[in-house]
N, C-alpha and C. Protein backbone atom coordinates (compact mmCIF):
# COMPACT_ATOMS: atom_id res chain seq x y z
N MET A 1 5.94 20.52 -0.98
CA MET A 1 5.71 20.58 -2.41
C MET A 1 4.27 20.15 -2.68
N PRO A 2 3.45 21.05 -3.20
CA PRO A 2 2.08 20.63 -3.55
C PRO A 2 2.14 19.73 -4.79
N THR A 3 1.52 18.56 -4.67
CA THR A 3 1.55 17.62 -5.80
C THR A 3 0.15 17.13 -6.10
N PHE A 4 0.01 16.68 -7.31
CA PHE A 4 -1.25 16.16 -7.80
C PHE A 4 -1.29 14.64 -7.67
N HIS A 5 -0.12 13.98 -7.86
CA HIS A 5 -0.05 12.53 -7.89
C HIS A 5 0.93 11.99 -6.85
N ALA A 6 0.66 10.74 -6.43
CA ALA A 6 1.59 10.02 -5.56
C ALA A 6 1.48 8.54 -5.88
N VAL A 7 2.58 7.84 -5.66
CA VAL A 7 2.59 6.39 -5.73
C VAL A 7 3.18 5.90 -4.41
N VAL A 8 2.58 4.85 -3.89
CA VAL A 8 3.04 4.25 -2.64
C VAL A 8 3.34 2.80 -2.92
N TRP A 9 4.55 2.38 -2.59
CA TRP A 9 4.88 0.95 -2.60
C TRP A 9 4.96 0.55 -1.14
N MET A 10 4.26 -0.53 -0.79
CA MET A 10 4.30 -0.92 0.62
C MET A 10 4.21 -2.42 0.81
N ASP A 11 4.83 -2.85 1.89
CA ASP A 11 4.60 -4.17 2.44
C ASP A 11 4.35 -3.94 3.93
N ARG A 12 4.36 -4.96 4.74
CA ARG A 12 4.03 -4.77 6.15
C ARG A 12 5.17 -4.17 6.96
N ARG A 13 6.37 -4.10 6.38
CA ARG A 13 7.52 -3.55 7.10
C ARG A 13 7.82 -2.10 6.78
N GLU A 14 7.51 -1.67 5.55
CA GLU A 14 7.86 -0.32 5.15
C GLU A 14 7.00 0.16 3.99
N ALA A 15 7.01 1.47 3.82
CA ALA A 15 6.30 2.09 2.71
C ALA A 15 7.21 3.14 2.09
N HIS A 16 7.20 3.20 0.77
CA HIS A 16 7.90 4.25 0.03
C HIS A 16 6.81 5.14 -0.57
N VAL A 17 6.76 6.37 -0.12
CA VAL A 17 5.77 7.34 -0.59
C VAL A 17 6.50 8.28 -1.54
N LEU A 18 6.06 8.33 -2.79
CA LEU A 18 6.68 9.18 -3.80
C LEU A 18 5.62 10.13 -4.35
N LYS A 19 5.76 11.39 -4.01
CA LYS A 19 4.85 12.42 -4.52
C LYS A 19 5.59 13.13 -5.64
N PHE A 20 4.87 13.42 -6.73
CA PHE A 20 5.57 13.99 -7.87
C PHE A 20 4.68 14.90 -8.69
N ASP A 21 5.36 15.80 -9.41
CA ASP A 21 4.71 16.61 -10.43
C ASP A 21 5.54 16.44 -11.70
N ARG A 22 5.40 17.33 -12.63
CA ARG A 22 6.10 17.16 -13.92
C ARG A 22 7.61 17.15 -13.79
N GLU A 23 8.16 17.97 -12.89
CA GLU A 23 9.62 18.10 -12.79
C GLU A 23 10.23 17.55 -11.51
N HIS A 24 9.45 17.35 -10.47
CA HIS A 24 10.00 17.03 -9.16
C HIS A 24 9.43 15.73 -8.60
N VAL A 25 10.26 15.08 -7.78
CA VAL A 25 9.83 13.89 -7.04
C VAL A 25 10.27 14.08 -5.60
N GLU A 26 9.34 13.87 -4.69
CA GLU A 26 9.64 13.93 -3.26
C GLU A 26 9.42 12.53 -2.70
N SER A 27 10.45 12.00 -2.04
CA SER A 27 10.41 10.63 -1.56
C SER A 27 10.45 10.59 -0.03
N GLU A 28 9.67 9.69 0.53
CA GLU A 28 9.68 9.48 1.98
C GLU A 28 9.54 7.99 2.25
N SER A 29 10.38 7.47 3.14
CA SER A 29 10.27 6.07 3.56
C SER A 29 9.72 6.04 4.97
N ILE A 30 8.77 5.16 5.18
CA ILE A 30 8.14 5.02 6.49
C ILE A 30 8.28 3.56 6.90
N LYS A 31 8.85 3.35 8.06
CA LYS A 31 9.04 1.99 8.59
C LYS A 31 7.96 1.68 9.60
N SER A 32 7.49 0.45 9.57
CA SER A 32 6.55 -0.01 10.59
C SER A 32 7.33 -0.20 11.88
N ARG A 33 6.74 0.23 12.96
CA ARG A 33 7.39 0.05 14.27
C ARG A 33 6.92 -1.23 14.94
N SER A 34 5.99 -1.91 14.31
CA SER A 34 5.44 -3.13 14.88
C SER A 34 6.37 -4.30 14.62
N HIS A 35 6.72 -4.97 15.67
CA HIS A 35 7.53 -6.19 15.54
C HIS A 35 6.69 -7.40 15.90
N HIS A 36 5.39 -7.16 16.05
CA HIS A 36 4.48 -8.23 16.44
C HIS A 36 4.23 -9.15 15.25
N LYS A 37 4.39 -10.40 15.47
CA LYS A 37 4.04 -11.39 14.46
C LYS A 37 3.04 -12.33 15.11
N ALA A 38 1.83 -12.32 14.62
CA ALA A 38 0.79 -13.16 15.22
C ALA A 38 1.11 -14.62 14.94
N THR A 39 1.11 -15.41 15.99
CA THR A 39 1.34 -16.85 15.84
C THR A 39 0.23 -17.57 16.59
N GLY A 40 0.20 -18.84 16.44
CA GLY A 40 -0.83 -19.61 17.14
C GLY A 40 -1.37 -20.66 16.22
N GLY A 41 -2.61 -20.98 16.39
CA GLY A 41 -3.21 -22.01 15.57
C GLY A 41 -2.95 -23.38 16.16
N HIS A 42 -3.06 -24.39 15.33
CA HIS A 42 -2.95 -25.76 15.78
C HIS A 42 -1.59 -26.33 15.43
N VAL A 43 -1.29 -27.47 16.00
CA VAL A 43 0.01 -28.10 15.81
C VAL A 43 -0.17 -29.37 14.97
N GLY A 44 0.87 -29.72 14.22
CA GLY A 44 0.87 -30.97 13.47
C GLY A 44 -0.04 -30.94 12.26
N SER A 45 -0.50 -32.14 11.83
CA SER A 45 -1.32 -32.22 10.63
C SER A 45 -2.67 -31.54 10.84
N HIS A 46 -3.12 -31.45 12.08
CA HIS A 46 -4.37 -30.76 12.38
C HIS A 46 -4.28 -29.29 11.98
N GLN A 47 -3.07 -28.76 12.04
CA GLN A 47 -2.80 -27.36 11.67
C GLN A 47 -3.17 -27.11 10.21
N LEU A 48 -2.81 -28.01 9.31
CA LEU A 48 -3.06 -27.81 7.89
C LEU A 48 -4.55 -27.99 7.55
N MET A 49 -5.26 -28.80 8.33
CA MET A 49 -6.68 -29.00 8.08
C MET A 49 -7.46 -27.70 8.29
N HIS A 50 -6.97 -26.82 9.13
CA HIS A 50 -7.68 -25.59 9.44
C HIS A 50 -7.08 -24.38 8.73
N GLY A 51 -6.28 -24.63 7.69
CA GLY A 51 -5.75 -23.52 6.91
C GLY A 51 -4.72 -22.71 7.66
N ARG A 52 -4.01 -23.35 8.55
CA ARG A 52 -2.98 -22.64 9.30
C ARG A 52 -1.65 -23.33 9.06
N GLY A 53 -0.63 -22.58 8.97
CA GLY A 53 0.69 -23.13 8.72
C GLY A 53 1.20 -22.64 7.40
N PRO A 54 2.25 -23.25 6.87
CA PRO A 54 2.90 -22.76 5.66
C PRO A 54 1.99 -22.69 4.45
N ALA A 55 0.98 -23.54 4.37
CA ALA A 55 0.09 -23.53 3.21
C ALA A 55 -1.09 -22.59 3.39
N ALA A 56 -1.05 -21.80 4.44
CA ALA A 56 -2.19 -20.94 4.75
C ALA A 56 -2.40 -19.86 3.71
N SER A 57 -3.64 -19.45 3.61
CA SER A 57 -3.96 -18.32 2.75
C SER A 57 -4.88 -17.40 3.51
N GLY A 58 -5.36 -16.38 2.88
CA GLY A 58 -6.27 -15.46 3.55
C GLY A 58 -5.52 -14.60 4.55
N ASN A 59 -6.06 -14.42 5.73
CA ASN A 59 -5.46 -13.55 6.73
C ASN A 59 -4.64 -14.29 7.76
N HIS A 60 -4.14 -15.47 7.44
CA HIS A 60 -3.33 -16.22 8.37
C HIS A 60 -1.86 -15.95 8.09
N SER A 61 -1.10 -15.87 9.17
CA SER A 61 0.35 -15.73 9.00
C SER A 61 0.91 -17.10 8.68
N PRO A 62 2.13 -17.19 8.10
CA PRO A 62 2.71 -18.50 7.80
C PRO A 62 2.87 -19.37 9.04
N GLU A 63 3.01 -18.75 10.22
CA GLU A 63 3.19 -19.53 11.44
C GLU A 63 1.86 -19.95 12.04
N GLY A 64 0.75 -19.58 11.44
CA GLY A 64 -0.56 -19.87 11.98
C GLY A 64 -1.12 -18.64 12.67
N GLY A 65 -2.36 -18.70 13.06
CA GLY A 65 -2.98 -17.54 13.69
C GLY A 65 -3.33 -16.51 12.65
N HIS A 66 -3.86 -15.40 13.09
CA HIS A 66 -4.26 -14.35 12.17
C HIS A 66 -3.23 -13.24 12.16
N SER A 67 -2.99 -12.68 11.00
CA SER A 67 -2.10 -11.54 10.92
C SER A 67 -2.83 -10.31 11.43
N SER A 68 -2.09 -9.38 11.97
CA SER A 68 -2.74 -8.18 12.48
C SER A 68 -2.23 -6.98 11.69
N THR A 69 -3.11 -6.03 11.46
CA THR A 69 -2.70 -4.83 10.76
C THR A 69 -2.04 -3.88 11.74
N ASP A 70 -1.17 -3.06 11.24
CA ASP A 70 -0.46 -2.08 12.03
C ASP A 70 -1.09 -0.73 11.74
N GLU A 71 -2.12 -0.37 12.49
CA GLU A 71 -2.87 0.85 12.21
C GLU A 71 -2.01 2.09 12.37
N ASN A 72 -1.06 2.09 13.29
CA ASN A 72 -0.17 3.25 13.44
C ASN A 72 0.66 3.45 12.17
N PHE A 73 1.14 2.37 11.60
CA PHE A 73 1.91 2.42 10.36
C PHE A 73 1.05 2.97 9.23
N TYR A 74 -0.16 2.45 9.08
CA TYR A 74 -1.05 2.91 8.02
C TYR A 74 -1.42 4.38 8.22
N HIS A 75 -1.58 4.80 9.47
CA HIS A 75 -1.89 6.20 9.75
C HIS A 75 -0.72 7.10 9.33
N GLU A 76 0.52 6.69 9.62
CA GLU A 76 1.69 7.47 9.21
C GLU A 76 1.77 7.59 7.68
N VAL A 77 1.48 6.50 6.98
CA VAL A 77 1.49 6.54 5.52
C VAL A 77 0.41 7.50 5.03
N ALA A 78 -0.78 7.42 5.61
CA ALA A 78 -1.88 8.32 5.21
C ALA A 78 -1.50 9.78 5.47
N GLN A 79 -0.84 10.06 6.58
CA GLN A 79 -0.43 11.43 6.88
C GLN A 79 0.56 11.95 5.84
N ALA A 80 1.44 11.09 5.36
CA ALA A 80 2.40 11.48 4.33
C ALA A 80 1.72 11.81 3.01
N LEU A 81 0.50 11.34 2.83
CA LEU A 81 -0.24 11.53 1.57
C LEU A 81 -1.25 12.68 1.62
N GLN A 82 -1.32 13.38 2.74
CA GLN A 82 -2.28 14.47 2.87
C GLN A 82 -2.10 15.48 1.75
N GLY A 83 -3.21 15.89 1.15
CA GLY A 83 -3.19 16.91 0.11
C GLY A 83 -2.99 16.39 -1.30
N VAL A 84 -2.66 15.12 -1.47
CA VAL A 84 -2.47 14.55 -2.81
C VAL A 84 -3.84 14.19 -3.36
N ARG A 85 -4.08 14.53 -4.63
CA ARG A 85 -5.41 14.31 -5.21
C ARG A 85 -5.61 12.94 -5.83
N GLU A 86 -4.53 12.30 -6.32
CA GLU A 86 -4.63 10.96 -6.91
C GLU A 86 -3.47 10.12 -6.42
N ILE A 87 -3.81 8.94 -5.89
CA ILE A 87 -2.82 8.06 -5.29
C ILE A 87 -2.93 6.67 -5.92
N LEU A 88 -1.79 6.13 -6.31
CA LEU A 88 -1.68 4.75 -6.78
C LEU A 88 -0.96 3.98 -5.68
N VAL A 89 -1.57 2.90 -5.19
CA VAL A 89 -0.97 2.08 -4.13
C VAL A 89 -0.50 0.77 -4.74
N THR A 90 0.76 0.42 -4.46
CA THR A 90 1.34 -0.81 -5.02
C THR A 90 2.03 -1.59 -3.91
N GLY A 91 2.35 -2.83 -4.21
CA GLY A 91 3.08 -3.67 -3.28
C GLY A 91 2.95 -5.12 -3.67
N PRO A 92 3.73 -5.98 -3.01
CA PRO A 92 3.75 -7.38 -3.41
C PRO A 92 2.69 -8.26 -2.76
N ALA A 93 2.11 -7.83 -1.64
CA ALA A 93 1.22 -8.74 -0.91
C ALA A 93 -0.03 -8.01 -0.42
N GLN A 94 -0.49 -8.34 0.77
CA GLN A 94 -1.77 -7.87 1.28
C GLN A 94 -1.74 -6.48 1.90
N ALA A 95 -0.61 -5.97 2.26
CA ALA A 95 -0.54 -4.68 2.96
C ALA A 95 -1.21 -3.57 2.15
N LYS A 96 -1.04 -3.58 0.84
CA LYS A 96 -1.64 -2.53 0.00
C LYS A 96 -3.16 -2.55 0.10
N ASP A 97 -3.75 -3.74 0.14
CA ASP A 97 -5.20 -3.86 0.26
C ASP A 97 -5.67 -3.51 1.67
N GLU A 98 -4.88 -3.91 2.67
CA GLU A 98 -5.20 -3.56 4.05
C GLU A 98 -5.13 -2.05 4.25
N PHE A 99 -4.16 -1.40 3.60
CA PHE A 99 -4.05 0.06 3.69
C PHE A 99 -5.30 0.72 3.12
N ARG A 100 -5.73 0.27 1.97
CA ARG A 100 -6.94 0.84 1.36
C ARG A 100 -8.15 0.67 2.29
N THR A 101 -8.30 -0.51 2.86
CA THR A 101 -9.41 -0.77 3.78
C THR A 101 -9.30 0.12 5.02
N TYR A 102 -8.08 0.24 5.56
CA TYR A 102 -7.87 1.12 6.70
C TYR A 102 -8.31 2.55 6.36
N CYS A 103 -7.91 3.03 5.19
CA CYS A 103 -8.27 4.39 4.78
C CYS A 103 -9.78 4.54 4.61
N GLN A 104 -10.45 3.53 4.08
CA GLN A 104 -11.90 3.60 3.92
C GLN A 104 -12.62 3.77 5.25
N HIS A 105 -12.02 3.26 6.33
CA HIS A 105 -12.63 3.35 7.65
C HIS A 105 -12.14 4.54 8.46
N HIS A 106 -10.87 4.95 8.28
CA HIS A 106 -10.27 5.93 9.18
C HIS A 106 -9.72 7.18 8.49
N GLU A 107 -9.46 7.14 7.22
CA GLU A 107 -8.83 8.25 6.49
C GLU A 107 -9.60 8.46 5.19
N LYS A 108 -10.82 8.92 5.30
CA LYS A 108 -11.72 8.98 4.14
C LYS A 108 -11.21 9.88 3.02
N ASP A 109 -10.50 10.96 3.35
CA ASP A 109 -9.96 11.83 2.30
C ASP A 109 -8.88 11.10 1.50
N ILE A 110 -8.08 10.29 2.15
CA ILE A 110 -7.07 9.51 1.45
C ILE A 110 -7.75 8.40 0.64
N ALA A 111 -8.73 7.75 1.23
CA ALA A 111 -9.46 6.68 0.51
C ALA A 111 -10.06 7.20 -0.78
N SER A 112 -10.61 8.40 -0.75
CA SER A 112 -11.22 8.94 -1.97
C SER A 112 -10.17 9.34 -3.01
N ALA A 113 -8.92 9.56 -2.58
CA ALA A 113 -7.85 9.91 -3.51
C ALA A 113 -7.19 8.67 -4.13
N ILE A 114 -7.37 7.50 -3.52
CA ILE A 114 -6.77 6.27 -4.05
C ILE A 114 -7.53 5.88 -5.31
N VAL A 115 -6.83 5.93 -6.45
CA VAL A 115 -7.48 5.61 -7.72
C VAL A 115 -7.36 4.13 -8.08
N ASP A 116 -6.34 3.45 -7.51
CA ASP A 116 -6.16 2.04 -7.83
C ASP A 116 -5.17 1.42 -6.86
N VAL A 117 -5.25 0.10 -6.74
CA VAL A 117 -4.31 -0.70 -5.97
C VAL A 117 -3.84 -1.80 -6.91
N VAL A 118 -2.52 -1.83 -7.17
CA VAL A 118 -1.98 -2.80 -8.12
C VAL A 118 -0.79 -3.53 -7.50
N SER A 119 -0.57 -4.74 -7.96
CA SER A 119 0.56 -5.53 -7.48
C SER A 119 1.84 -5.09 -8.16
N ALA A 120 2.89 -5.01 -7.38
CA ALA A 120 4.23 -4.71 -7.89
C ALA A 120 5.23 -5.36 -6.95
N ASP A 121 6.20 -6.04 -7.50
CA ASP A 121 7.16 -6.77 -6.69
C ASP A 121 8.01 -5.81 -5.85
N HIS A 122 9.22 -5.53 -6.25
CA HIS A 122 10.13 -4.64 -5.51
C HIS A 122 10.85 -3.70 -6.47
N PRO A 123 10.12 -2.80 -7.13
CA PRO A 123 10.79 -1.89 -8.07
C PRO A 123 11.59 -0.83 -7.31
N THR A 124 12.52 -0.22 -8.02
CA THR A 124 13.24 0.92 -7.45
C THR A 124 12.30 2.11 -7.43
N ASP A 125 12.69 3.15 -6.69
CA ASP A 125 11.86 4.35 -6.65
C ASP A 125 11.72 4.95 -8.05
N ARG A 126 12.78 4.93 -8.82
CA ARG A 126 12.74 5.46 -10.19
C ARG A 126 11.75 4.66 -11.05
N GLN A 127 11.76 3.34 -10.92
CA GLN A 127 10.83 2.50 -11.66
C GLN A 127 9.39 2.75 -11.22
N LEU A 128 9.19 2.97 -9.91
CA LEU A 128 7.85 3.27 -9.40
C LEU A 128 7.30 4.55 -9.99
N VAL A 129 8.12 5.60 -10.01
CA VAL A 129 7.65 6.87 -10.55
C VAL A 129 7.34 6.74 -12.03
N ALA A 130 8.19 6.03 -12.77
CA ALA A 130 7.95 5.83 -14.21
C ALA A 130 6.63 5.08 -14.42
N MET A 131 6.42 4.03 -13.63
CA MET A 131 5.18 3.27 -13.74
C MET A 131 3.97 4.16 -13.40
N ALA A 132 4.09 4.94 -12.35
CA ALA A 132 2.99 5.81 -11.92
C ALA A 132 2.72 6.90 -12.95
N ARG A 133 3.76 7.48 -13.52
CA ARG A 133 3.56 8.52 -14.55
C ARG A 133 2.76 7.94 -15.72
N GLN A 134 3.13 6.74 -16.16
CA GLN A 134 2.40 6.09 -17.25
C GLN A 134 0.96 5.81 -16.84
N TYR A 135 0.79 5.29 -15.64
CA TYR A 135 -0.55 4.97 -15.15
C TYR A 135 -1.42 6.23 -15.12
N PHE A 136 -0.91 7.30 -14.53
CA PHE A 136 -1.71 8.51 -14.38
C PHE A 136 -1.94 9.22 -15.71
N LEU A 137 -1.00 9.11 -16.63
CA LEU A 137 -1.22 9.68 -17.96
C LEU A 137 -2.45 9.04 -18.59
N LYS A 138 -2.49 7.71 -18.53
CA LYS A 138 -3.63 6.98 -19.08
C LYS A 138 -4.90 7.28 -18.27
N HIS A 139 -4.79 7.27 -16.96
CA HIS A 139 -5.93 7.54 -16.08
C HIS A 139 -6.50 8.92 -16.33
N ASP A 140 -5.63 9.94 -16.43
CA ASP A 140 -6.09 11.31 -16.65
C ASP A 140 -6.73 11.47 -18.03
N GLN A 141 -6.17 10.80 -19.03
CA GLN A 141 -6.77 10.87 -20.36
C GLN A 141 -8.15 10.24 -20.37
N ASN A 142 -8.28 9.12 -19.69
CA ASN A 142 -9.58 8.45 -19.61
C ASN A 142 -10.59 9.28 -18.82
N ALA A 143 -10.10 10.04 -17.86
CA ALA A 143 -10.98 10.88 -17.04
C ALA A 143 -11.26 12.22 -17.69
N GLY A 144 -10.55 12.51 -18.79
CA GLY A 144 -10.76 13.75 -19.51
C GLY A 144 -10.13 14.95 -18.82
N ASP A 145 -9.03 14.72 -18.07
CA ASP A 145 -8.36 15.82 -17.36
C ASP A 145 -6.91 15.93 -17.81
N PRO A 146 -6.65 16.43 -19.01
CA PRO A 146 -5.29 16.50 -19.52
C PRO A 146 -4.46 17.63 -18.91
N THR A 147 -5.04 18.47 -18.09
CA THR A 147 -4.30 19.61 -17.55
C THR A 147 -3.35 19.24 -16.42
N GLN A 148 -3.53 18.12 -15.78
CA GLN A 148 -2.72 17.79 -14.61
C GLN A 148 -1.83 16.57 -14.83
N ARG A 149 -1.24 16.42 -15.97
CA ARG A 149 -0.35 15.29 -16.22
C ARG A 149 1.04 15.56 -15.79
C-alpha cells in the first residue's frame, strides 16, 4: 500500500509501524531479537557516585554500564518505513531518539522523512493513528500542503 504518512511507536523491545492514508491503515509489529542487557559498572555506594545503578540517567542501564543500541532492530524498522514521505516517531523512552540518530547515520532517506519525535506512553494502535492523523493534519497545514491529508 503506497502511503504518505506513518507513525512508529517503539521501545527497545518492539516497534509498531502504522502506515496509513485516508481510508486504510497497515500495521506491522517488529520485535527486537537482542536479549543483550549491558551490565557492569561499580558496586556499592561507589556505583552511585559514577551515575551507575538505579539512579542512573543518560545512556546507562539501570544495572550499570552503558546501554547498547540494537542496530539490526532499527534497520528492520527503517526497512518497514521505506517509501513513506512523512514519519512521526513516538515512544516512552530513549529508543525513539536512538532510532532517529541511527537513521541519520545509516538510513538517510528515512531520517529525512522523520518530521518529529514525540513522547507517548503505551497507546493502542487506534490511538496512535488518531494522534498521528491530528499531528499530520496540523503539520501539513503549516507546511502548506493540504493535498495529502
